[in-house]
C-alpha atoms as a PDB file:
ATOM      1  CA  MET A   1     -14.113  23.984   8.997  1.00  0.00           C
ATOM      2  CA  LEU A   2     -14.909  20.465   7.762  1.00  0.00           C
ATOM      3  CA  GLY A   3     -12.516  20.935   4.847  1.00  0.00           C
ATOM      4  CA  GLU A   4      -9.673  21.772   7.228  1.00  0.00           C
ATOM      5  CA  ARG A   5     -10.474  18.742   9.394  1.00  0.00           C
ATOM      6  CA  LEU A   6     -10.322  16.514   6.319  1.00  0.00           C
ATOM      7  CA  ALA A   7      -7.014  18.070   5.292  1.00  0.00           C
ATOM      8  CA  ARG A   8      -5.547  17.342   8.732  1.00  0.00           C
ATOM      9  CA  ALA A   9      -6.949  13.807   8.809  1.00  0.00           C
ATOM     10  CA  PHE A  10      -5.508  12.883   5.397  1.00  0.00           C
ATOM     11  CA  ALA A  11      -2.206  14.790   5.598  1.00  0.00           C
ATOM     12  CA  GLY A  12       0.550  12.503   4.364  1.00  0.00           C
ATOM     13  CA  ARG A  13      -1.880   9.604   3.785  1.00  0.00           C
ATOM     14  CA  LYS A  14      -2.504   7.502   0.675  1.00  0.00           C
ATOM     15  CA  VAL A  15      -6.231   8.047   0.237  1.00  0.00           C
ATOM     16  CA  LEU A  16      -8.663   5.924  -1.763  1.00  0.00           C
ATOM     17  CA  GLU A  17     -11.756   7.986  -2.469  1.00  0.00           C
ATOM     18  CA  LEU A  18     -14.930   6.199  -3.511  1.00  0.00           C
ATOM     19  CA  ARG A  19     -16.994   8.685  -5.435  1.00  0.00           C
ATOM     20  CA  GLY A  20     -20.674   8.731  -6.089  1.00  0.00           C
ATOM     21  CA  GLY A  21     -20.902  12.199  -7.549  1.00  0.00           C
ATOM     22  CA  ASP A  22     -18.791  15.321  -7.718  1.00  0.00           C
ATOM     23  CA  SER A  23     -15.381  15.657  -6.116  1.00  0.00           C
ATOM     24  CA  ARG A  24     -15.947  18.839  -4.138  1.00  0.00           C
ATOM     25  CA  TRP A  25     -14.463  17.367  -0.957  1.00  0.00           C
ATOM     26  CA  THR A  26     -11.372  16.044  -2.738  1.00  0.00           C
ATOM     27  CA  ALA A  27     -10.062  19.583  -3.164  1.00  0.00           C
ATOM     28  CA  ALA A  28     -10.161  20.048   0.604  1.00  0.00           C
ATOM     29  CA  PHE A  29      -7.518  17.388   1.260  1.00  0.00           C
ATOM     30  CA  ALA A  30      -5.800  16.520  -2.031  1.00  0.00           C
ATOM     31  CA  ASP A  31      -2.921  18.971  -1.670  1.00  0.00           C
ATOM     32  CA  ARG A  32      -2.021  17.648   1.797  1.00  0.00           C
ATOM     33  CA  ALA A  33      -2.440  13.936   1.092  1.00  0.00           C
ATOM     34  CA  ALA A  34       0.569  11.948  -0.093  1.00  0.00           C
ATOM     35  CA  GLN A  35      -1.598  10.399  -2.816  1.00  0.00           C
ATOM     36  CA  VAL A  36      -5.260  10.382  -3.816  1.00  0.00           C
ATOM     37  CA  THR A  37      -6.819   7.675  -5.973  1.00  0.00           C
ATOM     38  CA  THR A  38     -10.427   8.289  -6.917  1.00  0.00           C
ATOM     39  CA  HIS A  39     -12.733   5.535  -8.065  1.00  0.00           C
ATOM     40  CA  GLU A  40     -16.152   6.329  -9.467  1.00  0.00           C
ATOM     41  CA  LEU A  41     -18.612   3.591  -8.601  1.00  0.00           C
ATOM     42  CA  VAL A  42     -21.331   3.429 -11.203  1.00  0.00           C
ATOM     43  CA  GLY A  43     -24.575   1.540 -11.370  1.00  0.00           C
ATOM     44  CA  GLU A  44     -24.939  -1.427  -9.082  1.00  0.00           C
ATOM     45  CA  ASP A  45     -21.354  -2.678  -9.273  1.00  0.00           C
ATOM     46  CA  PHE A  46     -19.923  -1.941  -5.854  1.00  0.00           C
ATOM     47  CA  ALA A  47     -16.872  -4.178  -6.228  1.00  0.00           C
ATOM     48  CA  LEU A  48     -13.474  -2.582  -5.800  1.00  0.00           C
ATOM     49  CA  PRO A  49     -10.825  -3.402  -8.364  1.00  0.00           C
ATOM     50  CA  ASP A  50      -7.320  -4.370  -7.315  1.00  0.00           C
ATOM     51  CA  PHE A  51      -5.500  -1.046  -7.519  1.00  0.00           C
ATOM     52  CA  GLY A  52      -2.067  -2.634  -7.333  1.00  0.00           C
ATOM     53  CA  ARG A  53      -1.029  -0.350  -4.498  1.00  0.00           C
ATOM     54  CA  ARG A  54      -1.839   0.148  -0.865  1.00  0.00           C
ATOM     55  CA  HIS A  55      -3.939   2.908   0.615  1.00  0.00           C
ATOM     56  CA  ASP A  56      -4.005   3.756   4.277  1.00  0.00           C
ATOM     57  CA  ALA A  57      -7.121   5.929   4.270  1.00  0.00           C
ATOM     58  CA  LEU A  58     -10.583   5.687   2.741  1.00  0.00           C
ATOM     59  CA  PHE A  59     -12.920   8.587   1.976  1.00  0.00           C
ATOM     60  CA  ALA A  60     -16.452   7.916   0.779  1.00  0.00           C
ATOM     61  CA  ALA A  61     -18.659  10.846   1.808  1.00  0.00           C
ATOM     62  CA  SER A  62     -20.910  11.118  -1.244  1.00  0.00           C
ATOM     63  CA  TRP A  63     -20.676   7.450  -2.115  1.00  0.00           C
ATOM     64  CA  TRP A  64     -22.704   6.088   0.807  1.00  0.00           C
ATOM     65  CA  SER A  65     -25.855   7.746  -0.491  1.00  0.00           C
ATOM     66  CA  GLN A  66     -25.476   5.757  -3.743  1.00  0.00           C
ATOM     67  CA  VAL A  67     -25.500   2.325  -2.094  1.00  0.00           C
ATOM     68  CA  PRO A  68     -28.971   0.819  -1.678  1.00  0.00           C
ATOM     69  CA  ALA A  69     -29.740   0.269   2.006  1.00  0.00           C
ATOM     70  CA  GLU A  70     -30.260  -3.463   1.456  1.00  0.00           C
ATOM     71  CA  CYS A  71     -26.664  -3.777   0.129  1.00  0.00           C
ATOM     72  CA  LEU A  72     -24.850  -1.898   2.900  1.00  0.00           C
ATOM     73  CA  ASP A  73     -24.441  -4.787   5.356  1.00  0.00           C
ATOM     74  CA  ALA A  74     -23.055  -7.157   2.724  1.00  0.00           C
ATOM     75  CA  TYR A  75     -20.684  -4.522   1.372  1.00  0.00           C
ATOM     76  CA  VAL A  76     -19.299  -3.443   4.733  1.00  0.00           C
ATOM     77  CA  CYS A  77     -18.920  -7.053   5.899  1.00  0.00           C
ATOM     78  CA  SER A  78     -16.976  -7.929   2.744  1.00  0.00           C
ATOM     79  CA  LYS A  79     -14.480  -5.207   3.651  1.00  0.00           C
ATOM     80  CA  ARG A  80     -13.583  -7.085   6.813  1.00  0.00           C
ATOM     81  CA  SER A  81     -11.781  -9.694   4.748  1.00  0.00           C
ATOM     82  CA  PRO A  82      -8.023 -10.142   5.231  1.00  0.00           C
ATOM     83  CA  ARG A  83      -7.401  -8.376   1.877  1.00  0.00           C
ATOM     84  CA  TRP A  84      -9.193  -5.263   3.106  1.00  0.00           C
ATOM     85  CA  ARG A  85      -7.300  -5.225   6.409  1.00  0.00           C
ATOM     86  CA  ARG A  86      -3.944  -5.566   4.614  1.00  0.00           C
ATOM     87  CA  GLY A  87      -4.642  -2.437   2.601  1.00  0.00           C
ATOM     88  CA  LEU A  88      -6.363  -1.466  -0.611  1.00  0.00           C
END
């Protein structure tokens, strides 16, 4: 059920997936998305590289559990920058 909802939500979208573990959810939507870019965030480096393309959807289900609680506010606020709003 959740897999089908993800597939519908990302159908035709250019998805950036932030991974913090396995990619079990990727299979649920990858065949219906226009494009999927996965980025494994490792250690304490939560910075996103410049991917050189735009994404119009973000998926980060497993990743949130990897971010220390004290870093969440700073990370989410940094994504409100004009660069983030223009696309990833």
